[in-house]
Protein backbone atom coordinates (compact mmCIF):
# COMPACT_ATOMS: atom_id res chain seq x y z
CA MET A 1 66.14 35.04 12.43
CA LEU A 2 63.43 36.82 14.47
CA LEU A 3 61.94 38.12 11.26
CA LEU A 4 61.72 34.61 9.91
CA ALA A 5 59.93 33.34 13.04
CA LEU A 6 57.24 36.09 12.92
CA SER A 7 56.41 35.59 9.27
CA GLY A 8 53.98 32.75 10.10
CA CYS A 9 52.15 34.74 12.83
CA LYS A 10 48.89 36.63 12.51
CA LEU A 11 47.98 39.80 14.34
CA ILE A 12 45.19 39.43 16.87
CA ASP A 13 42.23 41.79 16.43
CA GLN A 14 38.42 41.78 16.95
CA THR A 15 37.74 39.37 14.08
CA THR A 16 39.87 36.70 15.76
CA PHE A 17 37.37 36.31 18.63
CA ALA A 18 34.15 37.22 16.80
CA PRO A 19 31.71 34.36 16.24
CA ALA A 20 31.35 32.99 12.75
CA PRO A 21 28.34 34.32 10.90
CA GLU A 22 25.40 31.93 11.06
CA ALA A 23 24.65 29.96 7.95
CA ALA A 24 21.29 30.62 6.34
CA PRO A 25 18.79 27.91 7.24
CA VAL A 26 18.14 25.36 4.52
CA VAL A 27 14.47 24.90 3.76
CA ALA A 28 13.64 21.35 2.70
CA ALA A 29 11.10 21.05 -0.06
CA THR A 30 8.04 19.08 0.97
CA PRO A 31 7.45 16.16 -1.34
CA ALA A 32 4.27 16.09 -3.37
CA PRO A 33 1.68 13.70 -1.92
CA VAL A 34 1.71 10.33 -3.59
CA ALA A 35 -1.52 8.44 -4.02
CA PRO A 36 -1.16 5.10 -2.26
CA ARG A 37 -1.47 2.00 -4.36
CA ILE A 38 -3.73 -0.53 -2.77
CA ASP A 39 -2.00 -3.53 -4.34
CA PRO A 40 0.35 -3.50 -7.30
CA ARG A 41 -0.80 -6.96 -8.44
CA THR A 42 -3.47 -7.41 -11.08
CA PRO A 43 -6.52 -8.99 -9.48
CA LEU A 44 -7.88 -12.26 -10.78
CA LEU A 45 -11.38 -10.92 -10.18
CA VAL A 46 -12.89 -7.63 -8.97
CA ILE A 47 -16.37 -7.80 -7.48
CA ASP A 48 -17.97 -4.36 -7.35
CA TYR A 49 -20.75 -3.83 -4.83
CA ALA A 50 -22.07 -0.63 -6.45
CA THR A 51 -25.15 -2.75 -7.14
CA ALA A 52 -26.55 -4.92 -4.37
CA ASN A 53 -25.85 -8.65 -4.62
CA PRO A 54 -23.67 -8.81 -7.74
CA ASP A 55 -23.74 -12.15 -9.56
CA TYR A 56 -20.12 -13.29 -9.38
CA GLU A 57 -20.35 -16.98 -8.47
CA GLY A 58 -20.03 -18.33 -12.02
CA VAL A 59 -17.13 -16.07 -12.94
CA LEU A 60 -15.38 -16.87 -9.66
CA GLY A 61 -15.72 -20.61 -10.28
CA TYR A 62 -14.25 -20.23 -13.77
CA ALA A 63 -11.37 -18.10 -12.42
CA VAL A 64 -10.60 -20.67 -9.70
CA ARG A 65 -10.47 -23.51 -12.22
CA ALA A 66 -8.20 -21.48 -14.53
CA ALA A 67 -5.83 -20.58 -11.68
CA GLU A 68 -5.70 -24.16 -10.40
CA ALA A 69 -4.96 -25.42 -13.92
CA ARG A 70 -1.71 -23.44 -13.77
CA ASP A 71 -0.86 -24.35 -10.15
CA ARG A 72 -2.83 -26.96 -8.22
CA ASN A 73 -1.76 -25.43 -4.86
CA VAL A 74 -2.45 -21.82 -5.78
CA GLN A 75 -3.32 -19.54 -2.88
CA PHE A 76 -5.93 -16.79 -3.01
CA ASP A 77 -5.92 -13.38 -1.34
CA VAL A 78 -9.45 -12.06 -0.84
CA VAL A 79 -9.14 -8.34 -0.12
CA ALA A 80 -12.15 -6.25 0.85
CA LEU A 81 -11.92 -2.54 0.00
CA ALA A 82 -14.17 0.09 1.52
CA PRO A 83 -14.30 3.81 0.72
CA SER A 84 -14.68 4.76 4.40
CA ALA A 85 -14.32 3.34 7.90
CA GLU A 86 -18.10 3.24 8.26
CA GLN A 87 -18.39 0.80 5.35
CA MET A 88 -15.67 -1.61 6.52
CA VAL A 89 -18.00 -3.93 8.41
CA GLY A 90 -20.07 -4.44 5.26
CA ALA A 91 -16.89 -5.04 3.24
CA GLN A 92 -15.80 -7.70 5.74
CA VAL A 93 -19.13 -9.50 5.36
CA GLN A 94 -18.81 -9.35 1.58
CA ALA A 95 -15.26 -10.75 1.66
CA ALA A 96 -16.40 -13.58 3.93
CA GLY A 97 -19.10 -14.41 1.37
CA VAL A 98 -16.49 -14.57 -1.40
CA MET A 99 -14.36 -16.82 0.82
CA ARG A 100 -17.31 -19.17 1.38
CA ASN A 101 -17.85 -19.27 -2.38
CA LEU A 102 -14.19 -20.15 -2.93
CA MET A 103 -14.56 -22.97 -0.41
CA ALA A 104 -17.69 -24.15 -2.25
CA ASN A 105 -15.43 -24.39 -5.32
CA ARG A 106 -13.28 -26.89 -3.35
CA VAL A 107 -10.52 -24.45 -2.37
CA PRO A 108 -9.27 -25.43 1.11
CA SER A 109 -9.57 -22.65 3.70
CA GLY A 110 -5.81 -22.85 4.31
CA ARG A 111 -5.20 -21.50 0.81
CA ILE A 112 -7.46 -18.47 1.27
CA HIS A 113 -6.18 -15.31 2.96
CA LEU A 114 -8.48 -12.44 3.92
CA GLY A 115 -7.58 -8.76 3.97
CA LEU A 116 -9.35 -5.47 4.57
CA LEU A 117 -8.26 -2.04 3.31
CA SER A 118 -9.70 1.43 2.99
CA ASP A 119 -9.55 3.32 -0.31
CA PRO A 120 -11.25 6.74 -0.30
CA ALA A 121 -11.02 6.85 -4.11
CA LEU A 122 -13.75 4.19 -4.35
CA THR A 123 -17.45 5.01 -4.48
CA ALA A 124 -18.63 1.56 -3.34
CA ASN A 125 -17.20 -1.51 -1.65
CA GLN A 126 -15.16 -3.96 -3.70
CA VAL A 127 -13.76 -7.40 -3.10
CA ARG A 128 -10.65 -8.24 -5.09
CA VAL A 129 -9.34 -11.77 -5.49
CA TYR A 130 -5.62 -12.14 -6.13
CA VAL A 131 -3.50 -15.24 -6.66
CA ARG A 132 -0.19 -15.80 -4.91
């Protein structure tokens, strides 16, 4: 009977009280940098300010009429993009000019939304007009 009771026992030695070996540290792979997308939507119009005072008024008027033909209450996002922080003030002024032109095309100010972003991939300011 005593032999049967000791069969489930283990002898105590140095390995019983020794700490478990440390696991090797896991090194997480750093993800590759992803280029940010400014806006996944396709713009209705892109106004590039690589040349001073681009002539966009006629094209903008046509685009507004085409968008309103599909939806009379369409809303417009006017997003200024600048390649650097130093050029953001100029981009804001340019976006405000596009907004005034939209209002001259009888778009109520409540349907126009302004935005400002930085995109270092650009070489000059841009104003993009999107529809919602």
